[in-house]
Amino acid sequence: MAVDLLGGDQAPAVVVDGALRACQTDPALTLLLVGPVEAVGTVLAALPPDEHHRVRSLPGPYPRDTTRAAVHAVAEGLADAVVSAGDTGAIVTSAALAMGRWPGVRRPPLAAVLPSAAGRRLLLDVGSSVDPDERTLAMHAHLGSAYAASVHGVAAPRVGLLTIGTEPGKGDRLRRAAPELLAGLDLPAGARYVGLVEGDDVVSGAVADVVVTDGFSGNILLKALEMAYATIGAPGPGEPPPRAAVLLGVGGTVVVCHGAASGRDIAAGIGLAANLHRRGAIPVIAGLIQGKEIPRTQEVVHEQ
């Protein structure tokens, strides 16, 4: 796992903490730490000498460009996945340029797993593309369906569009234009579009397994729910999912943590990246959406 040591508001200390936690949790994990030599030395000093082989460092133009260097380490085959809490725009741009985008994916989305009363649900986009068009949301639906089926094991995932009401024509221009396109999609893994969903449907999880939206509203909803769950407890069974997002639609495994991530969050992000790599999840998702085209439609405009 390539880990960006300087990504995050409290880096490198919080990333060092997360790296150590990840090593202690997963004895089979090997880390490529991208950042200052001093920070790498801190990690090595905290590990027993017989485990030093599990941690390698990547020299580079520090203290700048650690995010790009970590992404390029995966693109060049030096690591299997990258984890960063750095600037989202820099991560997305670096990954798209270095790893390439899948056919049909113009704007790779960030997908986050949220707990709900009915189990884990996928929300995308949560911050990559803040002003998309309806065709971008349609690709989100393809990618989210493939993720839910391959990673969560959901049979025939239900896909909903986040808006402010379930009546037809509710919402802004994007939300009024997208339903017709989404309803006509041939989604992977037997997935189907189930219509409009509201914020409370995300919490209940009763309507949709995958919720698609733009990165602006998705990021707001994600952070609001995470803070609420941290205060009053998360709904649903089992442990809460990692506070990290997966970048879908690029040729590699990329996990993005919050800039304000804790050491526990960084460790969970590293664990998520390792799990996705070991399962070969990203190539499976790519295979599921291969050949899935989004039909051209004329812009739809409804009166308020």
Protein backbone atom coordinates (compact mmCIF):
# COMPACT_ATOMS: atom_id res chain seq x y z
CA MET A 1 0.00 0.00 0.00
CA ALA A 2 1.42 3.40 -0.99
CA VAL A 3 0.60 5.85 1.81
CA ASP A 4 0.82 9.61 1.39
CA LEU A 5 2.54 10.76 4.61
CA LEU A 6 1.83 14.45 4.05
CA GLY A 7 -1.85 14.16 3.17
CA GLY A 8 -4.24 15.51 5.80
CA ASP A 9 -4.66 18.42 8.17
CA GLN A 10 -2.48 16.87 10.89
CA ALA A 11 0.07 15.12 8.73
CA PRO A 12 2.50 13.51 9.09
CA ALA A 13 1.80 12.61 12.72
CA VAL A 14 -1.73 11.31 12.17
CA VAL A 15 -0.67 9.33 9.07
CA VAL A 16 2.24 7.76 10.98
CA ASP A 17 -0.23 6.74 13.69
CA GLY A 18 -2.57 5.26 11.09
CA ALA A 19 0.24 3.38 9.36
CA LEU A 20 1.31 1.80 12.65
CA ARG A 21 -2.27 0.85 13.50
CA ALA A 22 -2.67 -0.76 10.08
CA CYS A 23 0.54 -2.76 10.49
CA GLN A 24 -0.54 -4.01 13.90
CA THR A 25 -3.99 -4.99 12.63
CA ASP A 26 -2.84 -6.76 9.46
CA PRO A 27 0.40 -8.76 9.82
CA ALA A 28 0.49 -9.44 6.06
CA LEU A 29 0.45 -5.77 5.13
CA THR A 30 3.45 -4.09 3.50
CA LEU A 31 3.60 -0.29 3.28
CA LEU A 32 5.36 2.05 0.89
CA LEU A 33 5.54 5.34 2.79
CA VAL A 34 5.75 8.40 0.57
CA GLY A 35 7.08 11.38 2.47
CA PRO A 36 9.83 12.75 4.68
CA VAL A 37 12.54 10.39 5.87
CA GLU A 38 11.95 11.52 9.45
CA ALA A 39 8.34 10.33 9.37
CA VAL A 40 9.34 6.98 7.89
CA GLY A 41 11.91 6.63 10.64
CA THR A 42 9.20 7.17 13.25
CA VAL A 43 7.22 4.26 11.88
CA LEU A 44 10.27 1.99 11.77
CA ALA A 45 11.28 2.93 15.30
CA ALA A 46 7.87 1.84 16.61
CA LEU A 47 8.03 -1.56 14.92
CA PRO A 48 10.09 -4.56 16.10
CA PRO A 49 13.32 -4.94 14.09
CA ASP A 50 12.11 -8.19 12.54
CA GLU A 51 9.17 -6.30 10.97
CA HIS A 52 11.15 -3.47 9.38
CA HIS A 53 10.98 -5.27 6.03
CA ARG A 54 7.25 -4.50 5.97
CA VAL A 55 7.91 -0.76 5.59
CA ARG A 56 9.66 0.84 2.66
CA SER A 57 10.14 4.49 1.78
CA LEU A 58 9.91 6.29 -1.55
CA PRO A 59 12.38 9.14 -2.02
CA GLY A 60 11.07 12.11 -3.92
CA PRO A 61 10.60 15.90 -4.13
CA TYR A 62 9.40 16.41 -0.59
CA PRO A 63 7.77 18.18 1.17
CA ARG A 64 5.79 18.76 -2.05
CA ASP A 65 4.06 16.37 -4.44
CA THR A 66 3.67 13.42 -2.09
CA THR A 67 0.14 12.85 -3.34
CA ARG A 68 1.22 12.67 -6.97
CA ALA A 69 4.23 10.53 -6.08
CA ALA A 70 2.06 8.04 -4.16
CA VAL A 71 -0.37 7.74 -7.08
CA HIS A 72 2.48 7.28 -9.55
CA ALA A 73 3.91 4.52 -7.36
CA VAL A 74 0.79 2.47 -8.12
CA ALA A 75 0.76 3.42 -11.79
CA GLU A 76 4.40 2.30 -12.09
CA GLY A 77 3.83 -0.99 -10.28
CA LEU A 78 5.70 -0.11 -7.09
CA ALA A 79 2.56 -0.53 -4.97
CA ASP A 80 -0.85 -2.17 -5.32
CA ALA A 81 -3.03 0.68 -4.02
CA VAL A 82 -2.75 4.24 -2.78
CA VAL A 83 -4.21 5.86 0.34
CA SER A 84 -4.18 9.61 0.86
CA ALA A 85 -5.92 12.22 3.00
CA GLY A 86 -4.57 14.99 0.79
CA ASP A 87 -6.37 17.44 -1.46
CA THR A 88 -9.21 15.64 -3.23
CA GLY A 89 -8.75 17.49 -6.50
CA ALA A 90 -5.04 16.64 -6.59
CA ILE A 91 -5.73 12.97 -5.91
CA VAL A 92 -8.45 12.67 -8.56
CA THR A 93 -6.45 14.54 -11.18
CA SER A 94 -3.24 12.62 -10.48
CA ALA A 95 -5.05 9.27 -10.60
CA ALA A 96 -6.86 10.07 -13.84
CA LEU A 97 -3.65 11.19 -15.54
CA ALA A 98 -1.33 8.50 -14.22
CA MET A 99 -3.69 5.50 -14.19
CA GLY A 100 -6.07 6.46 -16.97
CA ARG A 101 -9.86 6.53 -16.91
CA TRP A 102 -12.08 3.66 -17.96
CA PRO A 103 -13.94 4.02 -21.27
CA GLY A 104 -17.02 6.17 -20.81
CA VAL A 105 -15.92 7.64 -17.48
CA ARG A 106 -15.39 11.37 -17.87
CA ARG A 107 -15.50 12.27 -14.18
CA PRO A 108 -14.42 9.48 -11.80
CA PRO A 109 -16.59 9.64 -8.66
CA LEU A 110 -15.72 9.06 -5.04
CA ALA A 111 -17.89 6.35 -3.51
CA ALA A 112 -18.41 6.15 0.26
CA VAL A 113 -20.09 3.40 2.25
CA LEU A 114 -22.60 4.57 4.83
CA PRO A 115 -24.28 2.55 7.57
CA SER A 116 -28.07 2.41 7.47
CA ALA A 117 -30.78 0.68 9.44
CA ALA A 118 -30.91 -1.95 6.69
CA GLY A 119 -27.14 -2.44 6.31
CA ARG A 120 -24.40 -0.79 4.31
CA ARG A 121 -25.35 1.55 1.48
CA LEU A 122 -23.19 3.20 -1.18
CA LEU A 123 -23.27 6.96 -1.80
CA LEU A 124 -21.59 8.56 -4.81
CA ASP A 125 -20.31 11.08 -5.64
CA VAL A 126 -19.06 12.49 -2.31
CA GLY A 127 -16.69 15.18 -3.51
CA SER A 128 -14.99 14.56 -6.83
CA SER A 129 -17.39 16.22 -9.28
CA VAL A 130 -19.41 19.05 -7.77
CA ASP A 131 -21.20 20.22 -10.94
CA PRO A 132 -21.92 17.19 -13.15
CA ASP A 133 -24.50 16.66 -15.88
CA GLU A 134 -27.07 13.87 -16.07
CA ARG A 135 -24.77 11.63 -18.12
CA THR A 136 -22.22 11.78 -15.32
CA LEU A 137 -24.89 10.70 -12.84
CA ALA A 138 -25.77 7.85 -15.18
CA MET A 139 -22.16 6.63 -15.06
CA HIS A 140 -22.29 6.94 -11.26
CA ALA A 141 -25.25 4.55 -11.39
CA HIS A 142 -23.25 2.04 -13.46
CA LEU A 143 -20.22 2.23 -11.19
CA GLY A 144 -22.22 2.13 -7.96
CA SER A 145 -24.23 -0.88 -9.14
CA ALA A 146 -21.06 -2.77 -10.03
CA TYR A 147 -19.47 -1.92 -6.66
CA ALA A 148 -22.54 -2.95 -4.65
CA ALA A 149 -22.75 -6.25 -6.50
CA SER A 150 -19.06 -7.17 -6.43
CA VAL A 151 -17.97 -5.79 -3.04
CA HIS A 152 -21.16 -5.90 -0.96
CA GLY A 153 -22.59 -8.98 -2.64
CA VAL A 154 -25.92 -7.30 -3.38
CA ALA A 155 -28.06 -9.16 -5.89
CA ALA A 156 -29.77 -6.80 -8.35
CA PRO A 157 -28.81 -3.56 -6.56
CA ARG A 158 -31.46 -0.85 -6.30
CA VAL A 159 -30.29 2.57 -7.47
CA GLY A 160 -31.87 5.83 -6.34
CA LEU A 161 -31.31 9.49 -7.19
CA LEU A 162 -30.94 11.84 -4.22
CA THR A 163 -33.21 14.88 -4.31
CA ILE A 164 -35.57 16.94 -2.11
CA GLY A 165 -38.78 15.04 -2.74
CA THR A 166 -40.03 11.87 -4.39
CA GLU A 167 -42.66 13.56 -6.56
CA PRO A 168 -41.74 13.81 -10.28
CA GLY A 169 -40.16 17.13 -11.21
CA LYS A 170 -38.77 17.90 -7.75
CA GLY A 171 -35.31 19.38 -7.39
CA ASP A 172 -32.94 21.45 -9.49
CA ARG A 173 -32.36 21.19 -13.25
CA LEU A 174 -30.05 18.23 -12.88
CA ARG A 175 -32.49 16.29 -10.70
CA ARG A 176 -35.32 17.04 -13.15
CA ALA A 177 -33.32 15.96 -16.19
CA ALA A 178 -31.65 12.81 -14.87
CA PRO A 179 -34.56 10.45 -14.02
CA GLU A 180 -35.58 9.80 -17.63
CA LEU A 181 -32.02 8.86 -18.52
CA LEU A 182 -31.50 6.73 -15.39
CA ALA A 183 -34.76 4.85 -15.96
CA GLY A 184 -33.61 3.74 -19.41
CA LEU A 185 -30.17 2.43 -18.41
CA ASP A 186 -29.07 -1.18 -18.79
CA LEU A 187 -27.29 -1.33 -15.44
CA PRO A 188 -24.75 -4.06 -14.59
CA ALA A 189 -25.37 -6.99 -12.23
CA GLY A 190 -29.12 -6.86 -12.78
CA ALA A 191 -29.34 -3.50 -11.03
CA ARG A 192 -32.41 -1.31 -11.53
CA TYR A 193 -33.26 2.33 -11.06
CA VAL A 194 -35.95 2.68 -8.36
CA GLY A 195 -36.54 6.43 -8.55
CA LEU A 196 -36.04 9.45 -6.35
CA VAL A 197 -34.86 9.17 -2.75
CA GLU A 198 -34.52 11.69 0.06
CA GLY A 199 -31.99 12.06 2.85
CA ASP A 200 -34.04 10.02 5.30
CA ASP A 201 -34.08 7.14 2.81
CA VAL A 202 -30.28 7.08 2.99
CA VAL A 203 -30.49 6.58 6.76
CA SER A 204 -33.20 3.92 6.60
CA GLY A 205 -31.67 2.08 3.66
CA ALA A 206 -35.07 0.68 2.78
CA VAL A 207 -35.39 2.14 -0.71
CA ALA A 208 -31.99 1.96 -2.42
CA ASP A 209 -28.68 0.10 -2.10
CA VAL A 210 -26.89 2.76 -4.18
CA VAL A 211 -27.63 6.48 -3.98
CA VAL A 212 -26.26 8.73 -6.73
CA THR A 213 -25.87 12.49 -6.55
CA ASP A 214 -23.42 15.27 -7.36
CA GLY A 215 -20.23 15.66 -5.35
CA PHE A 216 -21.45 18.89 -3.72
CA SER A 217 -24.60 17.55 -2.09
CA GLY A 218 -23.00 14.15 -1.54
CA ASN A 219 -20.09 15.62 0.41
CA ILE A 220 -22.43 17.67 2.59
CA LEU A 221 -24.63 14.66 3.33
CA LEU A 222 -21.65 12.41 4.03
CA LYS A 223 -20.03 14.75 6.55
CA ALA A 224 -23.33 15.57 8.27
CA LEU A 225 -24.20 11.90 8.72
CA GLU A 226 -20.69 10.98 9.88
CA MET A 227 -20.79 13.66 12.57
CA ALA A 228 -24.29 12.62 13.63
CA TYR A 229 -23.30 8.96 13.84
CA ALA A 230 -20.13 9.81 15.78
CA THR A 231 -22.29 11.67 18.29
CA ILE A 232 -25.31 9.39 18.69
CA GLY A 233 -24.13 6.10 17.20
CA ALA A 234 -24.45 4.60 13.74
CA PRO A 235 -27.58 2.71 12.69
CA GLY A 236 -27.59 -0.87 11.54
CA PRO A 237 -25.73 -4.03 12.51
CA GLY A 238 -21.97 -4.50 12.77
CA GLU A 239 -19.08 -2.09 12.89
CA PRO A 240 -19.40 1.24 11.06
CA PRO A 241 -17.68 1.25 7.66
CA PRO A 242 -14.38 3.12 7.18
CA ARG A 243 -14.57 6.90 6.92
CA ALA A 244 -12.95 6.81 3.51
CA ALA A 245 -14.03 6.87 -0.12
CA VAL A 246 -12.99 4.82 -3.14
CA LEU A 247 -12.25 6.53 -6.44
CA LEU A 248 -14.05 4.57 -9.16
CA GLY A 249 -13.40 4.69 -12.87
CA VAL A 250 -9.59 4.83 -12.90
CA GLY A 251 -7.08 2.07 -13.58
CA GLY A 252 -6.05 1.38 -10.00
CA THR A 253 -7.15 1.16 -6.39
CA VAL A 254 -7.36 4.64 -4.86
CA VAL A 255 -8.73 5.33 -1.37
CA VAL A 256 -9.26 8.89 -0.17
CA CYS A 257 -9.56 9.74 3.53
CA HIS A 258 -10.89 12.98 5.01
CA GLY A 259 -8.42 15.82 5.47
CA ALA A 260 -9.43 15.81 9.15
CA ALA A 261 -8.93 12.04 9.44
CA SER A 262 -7.72 10.52 12.70
CA GLY A 263 -5.10 7.80 12.96
CA ARG A 264 -7.92 5.29 13.26
CA ASP A 265 -9.48 6.65 10.06
CA ILE A 266 -6.18 6.39 8.16
CA ALA A 267 -5.73 2.81 9.35
CA ALA A 268 -9.27 1.97 8.25
CA GLY A 269 -8.60 3.52 4.85
CA ILE A 270 -5.44 1.43 4.46
CA GLY A 271 -7.41 -1.65 5.47
CA LEU A 272 -10.11 -0.85 2.91
CA ALA A 273 -7.53 -0.43 0.15
CA ALA A 274 -5.85 -3.73 1.08
CA ASN A 275 -9.19 -5.55 1.09
CA LEU A 276 -10.20 -4.17 -2.30
CA HIS A 277 -6.84 -5.16 -3.80
CA ARG A 278 -6.88 -8.66 -2.36
CA ARG A 279 -10.36 -9.24 -3.73
CA GLY A 280 -9.43 -7.85 -7.13
CA ALA A 281 -12.44 -5.57 -6.79
CA ILE A 282 -11.42 -2.79 -9.15
CA PRO A 283 -10.84 -5.05 -12.19
CA VAL A 284 -14.13 -6.83 -11.46
CA ILE A 285 -16.02 -3.52 -11.37
CA ALA A 286 -14.33 -2.48 -14.61
CA GLY A 287 -15.42 -5.72 -16.22
CA LEU A 288 -19.03 -5.31 -15.09
CA ILE A 289 -19.41 -1.87 -16.68
CA GLN A 290 -17.55 -2.75 -19.87
CA GLY A 291 -19.76 -2.14 -22.86
CA LYS A 292 -22.44 -0.40 -20.79
CA GLU A 293 -23.26 2.67 -22.84
CA ILE A 294 -25.18 5.76 -21.81
CA PRO A 295 -27.69 6.82 -24.47
CA ARG A 296 -27.63 10.35 -25.80
CA THR A 297 -30.63 12.41 -24.73
CA GLN A 298 -31.76 15.94 -25.33
CA GLU A 299 -31.66 18.30 -22.38
CA VAL A 300 -34.86 18.10 -20.38
CA VAL A 301 -36.19 21.28 -18.79
CA HIS A 302 -39.20 21.33 -16.51
CA GLU A 303 -40.97 24.27 -14.98
CA GLN A 304 -40.80 24.65 -11.22
